[in-house]
Amino acid sequence: MQAALTDTRSLDSEIATLLSEMEVVAELTKRCIEENSTTAQDQAAYLERYNGLAERYETAKAKLEQLQAVKAKREAKAEDIGGFMFELAEYGEPITEFDDRLWLTVIDIVTVHRDGRLTFKFQTGHEMLE
């Protein structure tokens, strides 16, 4: 379950693709600028081409940053789950009564509502309303 929740292989593949895309676009932009500096050409056409490349690069960069943030969250989740699994493994036998250490490993905050409902906020950031 931990591997399924924290797998980053598809993200790694997308990140590699975006990095490659950014390298290609950067090289195309460099060539575009060099061509403009050495060859007389219509400046409106040059600016349109340059702006298109710049926009393409910025779009890829924004997507890359988004994917890197998702990957970082998954890696943090993997650490959290690993820590919890380590705590459970130390017990060696089924847990039959309340354990302070295990509670503090799993739960961050419990909010008691006026109507008696409870909201449990886990260390992972997830919440559950009971």
N, C-alpha and C. Protein backbone atom coordinates (compact mmCIF):
# COMPACT_ATOMS: atom_id res chain seq x y z
N MET A 1 0.83 -1.19 0.00
CA MET A 1 0.00 0.00 0.00
C MET A 1 0.88 1.25 0.00
N GLN A 2 1.94 1.21 0.80
CA GLN A 2 2.86 2.36 0.86
C GLN A 2 3.44 2.65 -0.52
N ALA A 3 3.86 1.62 -1.22
CA ALA A 3 4.45 1.81 -2.55
C ALA A 3 3.43 2.41 -3.51
N ALA A 4 2.19 1.96 -3.43
CA ALA A 4 1.16 2.47 -4.33
C ALA A 4 0.86 3.94 -4.05
N LEU A 5 0.84 4.33 -2.77
CA LEU A 5 0.52 5.72 -2.41
C LEU A 5 1.66 6.69 -2.65
N THR A 6 2.88 6.17 -2.70
CA THR A 6 4.03 7.07 -2.76
C THR A 6 4.88 6.88 -4.01
N ASP A 7 4.41 6.11 -4.97
CA ASP A 7 5.17 5.86 -6.20
C ASP A 7 5.39 7.15 -6.98
N THR A 8 6.62 7.40 -7.36
CA THR A 8 6.95 8.62 -8.11
C THR A 8 7.49 8.31 -9.50
N ARG A 9 7.43 7.06 -9.95
CA ARG A 9 8.00 6.72 -11.26
C ARG A 9 7.36 7.49 -12.40
N SER A 10 6.03 7.60 -12.40
CA SER A 10 5.38 8.34 -13.49
C SER A 10 5.74 9.83 -13.42
N LEU A 11 5.84 10.35 -12.19
CA LEU A 11 6.26 11.75 -12.03
C LEU A 11 7.69 11.94 -12.51
N ASP A 12 8.56 11.00 -12.18
CA ASP A 12 9.95 11.10 -12.62
C ASP A 12 10.04 11.11 -14.14
N SER A 13 9.22 10.30 -14.77
CA SER A 13 9.20 10.25 -16.23
C SER A 13 8.72 11.57 -16.82
N GLU A 14 7.65 12.12 -16.26
CA GLU A 14 7.14 13.41 -16.73
C GLU A 14 8.14 14.54 -16.49
N ILE A 15 8.81 14.49 -15.35
CA ILE A 15 9.82 15.51 -15.03
C ILE A 15 10.96 15.44 -16.03
N ALA A 16 11.42 14.23 -16.34
CA ALA A 16 12.51 14.07 -17.31
C ALA A 16 12.08 14.59 -18.68
N THR A 17 10.85 14.31 -19.07
CA THR A 17 10.33 14.80 -20.36
C THR A 17 10.30 16.33 -20.39
N LEU A 18 9.84 16.93 -19.31
CA LEU A 18 9.78 18.40 -19.24
C LEU A 18 11.17 19.03 -19.24
N LEU A 19 12.10 18.41 -18.54
CA LEU A 19 13.47 18.93 -18.54
C LEU A 19 14.06 18.87 -19.94
N SER A 20 13.80 17.79 -20.64
CA SER A 20 14.26 17.66 -22.02
C SER A 20 13.62 18.72 -22.90
N GLU A 21 12.32 18.91 -22.73
CA GLU A 21 11.58 19.94 -23.48
C GLU A 21 12.18 21.32 -23.23
N MET A 22 12.47 21.61 -21.98
CA MET A 22 13.02 22.92 -21.64
C MET A 22 14.40 23.13 -22.26
N GLU A 23 15.21 22.07 -22.30
CA GLU A 23 16.53 22.16 -22.94
C GLU A 23 16.38 22.46 -24.43
N VAL A 24 15.47 21.76 -25.08
CA VAL A 24 15.24 21.97 -26.51
C VAL A 24 14.76 23.39 -26.77
N VAL A 25 13.80 23.85 -25.99
CA VAL A 25 13.26 25.20 -26.18
C VAL A 25 14.32 26.25 -25.89
N ALA A 26 15.15 26.02 -24.88
CA ALA A 26 16.23 26.97 -24.58
C ALA A 26 17.20 27.06 -25.75
N GLU A 27 17.51 25.92 -26.34
CA GLU A 27 18.42 25.91 -27.49
C GLU A 27 17.77 26.60 -28.69
N LEU A 28 16.49 26.35 -28.93
CA LEU A 28 15.78 27.01 -30.03
C LEU A 28 15.74 28.53 -29.80
N THR A 29 15.56 28.94 -28.56
CA THR A 29 15.54 30.37 -28.24
C THR A 29 16.90 31.00 -28.49
N LYS A 30 17.94 30.29 -28.09
CA LYS A 30 19.31 30.78 -28.30
C LYS A 30 19.58 30.95 -29.80
N ARG A 31 19.19 29.96 -30.58
CA ARG A 31 19.39 30.04 -32.04
C ARG A 31 18.58 31.18 -32.65
N CYS A 32 17.37 31.36 -32.15
CA CYS A 32 16.50 32.43 -32.63
C CYS A 32 17.16 33.79 -32.38
N ILE A 33 17.73 33.98 -31.21
CA ILE A 33 18.39 35.23 -30.87
C ILE A 33 19.64 35.43 -31.72
N GLU A 34 20.43 34.36 -31.87
CA GLU A 34 21.64 34.44 -32.69
C GLU A 34 21.30 34.78 -34.14
N GLU A 35 20.27 34.14 -34.66
CA GLU A 35 19.84 34.40 -36.03
C GLU A 35 19.40 35.85 -36.20
N ASN A 36 18.70 36.37 -35.22
CA ASN A 36 18.25 37.75 -35.29
C ASN A 36 19.43 38.73 -35.24
N SER A 37 20.48 38.36 -34.52
CA SER A 37 21.63 39.27 -34.40
C SER A 37 22.55 39.22 -35.62
N THR A 38 22.45 38.15 -36.41
CA THR A 38 23.35 38.03 -37.57
C THR A 38 22.67 38.19 -38.92
N THR A 39 21.36 38.07 -38.95
CA THR A 39 20.62 38.12 -40.21
C THR A 39 19.51 39.16 -40.11
N ALA A 40 19.42 39.99 -41.15
CA ALA A 40 18.33 40.97 -41.18
C ALA A 40 17.01 40.22 -41.39
N GLN A 41 16.03 40.52 -40.54
CA GLN A 41 14.73 39.87 -40.66
C GLN A 41 13.65 40.78 -40.09
N ASP A 42 12.44 40.45 -40.43
CA ASP A 42 11.29 41.20 -39.95
C ASP A 42 11.21 41.06 -38.42
N GLN A 43 11.30 42.18 -37.72
CA GLN A 43 11.33 42.15 -36.26
C GLN A 43 10.00 41.70 -35.66
N ALA A 44 8.91 41.99 -36.31
CA ALA A 44 7.61 41.53 -35.81
C ALA A 44 7.55 40.00 -35.84
N ALA A 45 8.05 39.39 -36.92
CA ALA A 45 8.07 37.94 -37.03
C ALA A 45 9.03 37.34 -36.00
N TYR A 46 10.17 38.02 -35.81
CA TYR A 46 11.14 37.55 -34.82
C TYR A 46 10.53 37.57 -33.42
N LEU A 47 9.89 38.68 -33.07
CA LEU A 47 9.29 38.80 -31.74
C LEU A 47 8.19 37.77 -31.52
N GLU A 48 7.42 37.52 -32.55
CA GLU A 48 6.36 36.52 -32.45
C GLU A 48 6.96 35.13 -32.18
N ARG A 49 8.01 34.81 -32.93
CA ARG A 49 8.69 33.52 -32.75
C ARG A 49 9.33 33.44 -31.37
N TYR A 50 10.04 34.51 -30.98
CA TYR A 50 10.71 34.54 -29.69
C TYR A 50 9.69 34.42 -28.54
N ASN A 51 8.63 35.19 -28.60
CA ASN A 51 7.60 35.15 -27.56
C ASN A 51 6.94 33.78 -27.46
N GLY A 52 6.73 33.14 -28.61
CA GLY A 52 6.16 31.79 -28.62
C GLY A 52 7.08 30.80 -27.91
N LEU A 53 8.37 30.91 -28.19
CA LEU A 53 9.34 30.03 -27.51
C LEU A 53 9.41 30.33 -26.02
N ALA A 54 9.41 31.61 -25.67
CA ALA A 54 9.47 31.99 -24.26
C ALA A 54 8.24 31.47 -23.51
N GLU A 55 7.09 31.60 -24.14
CA GLU A 55 5.85 31.12 -23.52
C GLU A 55 5.89 29.60 -23.35
N ARG A 56 6.38 28.91 -24.37
CA ARG A 56 6.49 27.45 -24.31
C ARG A 56 7.42 27.03 -23.16
N TYR A 57 8.52 27.75 -23.00
CA TYR A 57 9.47 27.46 -21.93
C TYR A 57 8.83 27.70 -20.57
N GLU A 58 8.17 28.83 -20.41
CA GLU A 58 7.55 29.17 -19.12
C GLU A 58 6.44 28.19 -18.75
N THR A 59 5.69 27.73 -19.74
CA THR A 59 4.64 26.74 -19.50
C THR A 59 5.25 25.44 -18.99
N ALA A 60 6.32 25.00 -19.65
CA ALA A 60 7.00 23.78 -19.23
C ALA A 60 7.61 23.95 -17.84
N LYS A 61 8.16 25.12 -17.57
CA LYS A 61 8.77 25.39 -16.26
C LYS A 61 7.72 25.35 -15.16
N ALA A 62 6.56 25.96 -15.41
CA ALA A 62 5.48 25.96 -14.41
C ALA A 62 5.00 24.53 -14.14
N LYS A 63 4.84 23.75 -15.19
CA LYS A 63 4.41 22.35 -15.04
C LYS A 63 5.47 21.55 -14.28
N LEU A 64 6.74 21.82 -14.58
CA LEU A 64 7.84 21.13 -13.89
C LEU A 64 7.80 21.43 -12.39
N GLU A 65 7.62 22.69 -12.04
CA GLU A 65 7.55 23.08 -10.62
C GLU A 65 6.38 22.41 -9.93
N GLN A 66 5.26 22.32 -10.63
CA GLN A 66 4.08 21.66 -10.07
C GLN A 66 4.36 20.17 -9.82
N LEU A 67 4.96 19.51 -10.79
CA LEU A 67 5.26 18.08 -10.64
C LEU A 67 6.29 17.84 -9.54
N GLN A 68 7.27 18.72 -9.43
CA GLN A 68 8.28 18.58 -8.38
C GLN A 68 7.65 18.75 -7.00
N ALA A 69 6.66 19.63 -6.88
CA ALA A 69 5.96 19.81 -5.61
C ALA A 69 5.15 18.56 -5.26
N VAL A 70 4.48 17.98 -6.25
CA VAL A 70 3.71 16.74 -6.03
C VAL A 70 4.65 15.61 -5.62
N LYS A 71 5.81 15.54 -6.29
CA LYS A 71 6.79 14.50 -5.96
C LYS A 71 7.29 14.67 -4.53
N ALA A 72 7.58 15.90 -4.14
CA ALA A 72 8.06 16.16 -2.78
C ALA A 72 7.01 15.75 -1.75
N LYS A 73 5.74 16.01 -2.03
CA LYS A 73 4.67 15.60 -1.12
C LYS A 73 4.60 14.08 -1.00
N ARG A 74 4.73 13.40 -2.13
CA ARG A 74 4.69 11.93 -2.09
C ARG A 74 5.87 11.37 -1.33
N GLU A 75 7.04 11.98 -1.51
CA GLU A 75 8.22 11.51 -0.78
C GLU A 75 8.05 11.75 0.72
N ALA A 76 7.46 12.88 1.09
CA ALA A 76 7.20 13.16 2.51
C ALA A 76 6.19 12.16 3.07
N LYS A 77 5.19 11.84 2.26
CA LYS A 77 4.18 10.86 2.68
C LYS A 77 4.84 9.50 2.88
N ALA A 78 5.78 9.15 2.00
CA ALA A 78 6.48 7.88 2.13
C ALA A 78 7.25 7.83 3.45
N GLU A 79 7.87 8.93 3.81
CA GLU A 79 8.59 8.99 5.09
C GLU A 79 7.63 8.84 6.26
N ASP A 80 6.49 9.53 6.19
CA ASP A 80 5.50 9.44 7.26
C ASP A 80 5.00 8.01 7.42
N ILE A 81 4.65 7.38 6.31
CA ILE A 81 4.14 6.01 6.36
C ILE A 81 5.23 5.07 6.86
N GLY A 82 6.46 5.29 6.40
CA GLY A 82 7.57 4.46 6.86
C GLY A 82 7.78 4.58 8.35
N GLY A 83 7.69 5.80 8.88
CA GLY A 83 7.83 6.00 10.32
C GLY A 83 6.74 5.29 11.10
N PHE A 84 5.52 5.40 10.58
CA PHE A 84 4.40 4.74 11.24
C PHE A 84 4.58 3.22 11.21
N MET A 85 4.98 2.69 10.07
CA MET A 85 5.18 1.24 9.94
C MET A 85 6.30 0.77 10.88
N PHE A 86 7.32 1.59 11.03
CA PHE A 86 8.42 1.26 11.95
C PHE A 86 7.89 1.19 13.38
N GLU A 87 7.08 2.17 13.75
CA GLU A 87 6.50 2.18 15.10
C GLU A 87 5.66 0.92 15.32
N LEU A 88 4.85 0.56 14.35
CA LEU A 88 4.02 -0.64 14.49
C LEU A 88 4.86 -1.90 14.58
N ALA A 89 5.93 -1.96 13.80
CA ALA A 89 6.79 -3.15 13.79
C ALA A 89 7.47 -3.35 15.14
N GLU A 90 7.72 -2.28 15.87
CA GLU A 90 8.37 -2.39 17.18
C GLU A 90 7.49 -3.10 18.20
N TYR A 91 6.18 -3.08 18.00
CA TYR A 91 5.28 -3.72 18.95
C TYR A 91 5.36 -5.24 18.85
N GLY A 92 5.48 -5.76 17.66
CA GLY A 92 5.64 -7.19 17.46
C GLY A 92 4.40 -8.03 17.69
N GLU A 93 3.39 -7.50 18.32
CA GLU A 93 2.15 -8.24 18.57
C GLU A 93 0.98 -7.29 18.39
N PRO A 94 -0.22 -7.82 18.23
CA PRO A 94 -1.39 -6.95 18.03
C PRO A 94 -1.58 -5.97 19.19
N ILE A 95 -2.03 -4.80 18.89
CA ILE A 95 -2.26 -3.77 19.90
C ILE A 95 -3.68 -3.94 20.42
N THR A 96 -3.81 -4.12 21.72
CA THR A 96 -5.12 -4.38 22.30
C THR A 96 -5.61 -3.26 23.21
N GLU A 97 -4.73 -2.31 23.51
CA GLU A 97 -5.14 -1.20 24.36
C GLU A 97 -4.48 0.09 23.87
N PHE A 98 -4.99 1.20 24.39
CA PHE A 98 -4.51 2.52 23.97
C PHE A 98 -3.01 2.66 24.27
N ASP A 99 -2.29 3.27 23.31
CA ASP A 99 -0.85 3.48 23.47
C ASP A 99 -0.53 4.94 23.14
N ASP A 100 -0.02 5.69 24.12
CA ASP A 100 0.29 7.11 23.94
C ASP A 100 1.26 7.34 22.78
N ARG A 101 2.32 6.56 22.75
CA ARG A 101 3.36 6.76 21.73
C ARG A 101 2.80 6.56 20.32
N LEU A 102 2.01 5.52 20.15
CA LEU A 102 1.42 5.24 18.84
C LEU A 102 0.43 6.35 18.47
N TRP A 103 -0.36 6.80 19.43
CA TRP A 103 -1.32 7.89 19.20
C TRP A 103 -0.59 9.13 18.69
N LEU A 104 0.49 9.52 19.35
CA LEU A 104 1.24 10.72 18.98
C LEU A 104 1.96 10.55 17.64
N THR A 105 2.25 9.33 17.27
CA THR A 105 2.87 9.07 15.97
C THR A 105 1.87 9.29 14.84
N VAL A 106 0.61 8.99 15.09
CA VAL A 106 -0.42 9.02 14.05
C VAL A 106 -1.22 10.32 14.04
N ILE A 107 -1.62 10.80 15.20
CA ILE A 107 -2.55 11.93 15.31
C ILE A 107 -1.81 13.23 15.60
N ASP A 108 -2.18 14.28 14.88
CA ASP A 108 -1.62 15.61 15.12
C ASP A 108 -2.53 16.40 16.05
N ILE A 109 -3.82 16.53 15.66
CA ILE A 109 -4.78 17.33 16.43
C ILE A 109 -6.14 16.63 16.39
N VAL A 110 -6.84 16.70 17.51
CA VAL A 110 -8.25 16.26 17.56
C VAL A 110 -9.07 17.48 17.96
N THR A 111 -10.09 17.79 17.16
CA THR A 111 -10.98 18.91 17.46
C THR A 111 -12.33 18.34 17.88
N VAL A 112 -12.79 18.79 19.05
CA VAL A 112 -14.10 18.37 19.55
C VAL A 112 -15.08 19.49 19.22
N HIS A 113 -16.10 19.17 18.43
CA HIS A 113 -17.12 20.14 18.03
C HIS A 113 -18.23 20.21 19.08
N ARG A 114 -18.97 21.29 19.09
CA ARG A 114 -20.05 21.50 20.07
C ARG A 114 -21.09 20.37 20.04
N ASP A 115 -21.31 19.81 18.85
CA ASP A 115 -22.33 18.76 18.74
C ASP A 115 -21.78 17.37 19.09
N GLY A 116 -20.54 17.31 19.57
CA GLY A 116 -19.96 16.04 19.99
C GLY A 116 -19.15 15.32 18.92
N ARG A 117 -19.21 15.81 17.69
CA ARG A 117 -18.42 15.20 16.62
C ARG A 117 -16.94 15.50 16.87
N LEU A 118 -16.09 14.62 16.35
CA LEU A 118 -14.65 14.78 16.49
C LEU A 118 -14.01 14.86 15.10
N THR A 119 -13.04 15.74 14.95
CA THR A 119 -12.24 15.80 13.73
C THR A 119 -10.82 15.41 14.09
N PHE A 120 -10.35 14.34 13.47
CA PHE A 120 -8.99 13.87 13.70
C PHE A 120 -8.12 14.37 12.55
N LYS A 121 -7.07 15.08 12.88
CA LYS A 121 -6.10 15.50 11.87
C LYS A 121 -4.85 14.65 12.08
N PHE A 122 -4.52 13.90 11.06
CA PHE A 122 -3.38 12.98 11.13
C PHE A 122 -2.09 13.73 10.84
N GLN A 123 -0.98 13.12 11.21
CA GLN A 123 0.34 13.70 10.97
C GLN A 123 0.57 13.92 9.47
N THR A 124 -0.09 13.17 8.64
CA THR A 124 0.06 13.29 7.19
C THR A 124 -0.68 14.50 6.63
N GLY A 125 -1.52 15.14 7.48
CA GLY A 125 -2.32 16.27 7.02
C GLY A 125 -3.74 15.91 6.66
N HIS A 126 -4.04 14.65 6.55
CA HIS A 126 -5.40 14.22 6.24
C HIS A 126 -6.29 14.42 7.46
N GLU A 127 -7.57 14.61 7.20
CA GLU A 127 -8.53 14.78 8.28
C GLU A 127 -9.67 13.79 8.14
N MET A 128 -10.25 13.42 9.28
CA MET A 128 -11.38 12.50 9.30
C MET A 128 -12.37 13.03 10.34
N LEU A 129 -13.62 13.13 9.94
CA LEU A 129 -14.68 13.61 10.82
C LEU A 129 -15.47 12.42 11.33
N GLU A 130 -15.64 12.30 12.62
CA GLU A 130 -16.41 11.22 13.24
C GLU A 130 -17.52 11.79 14.06
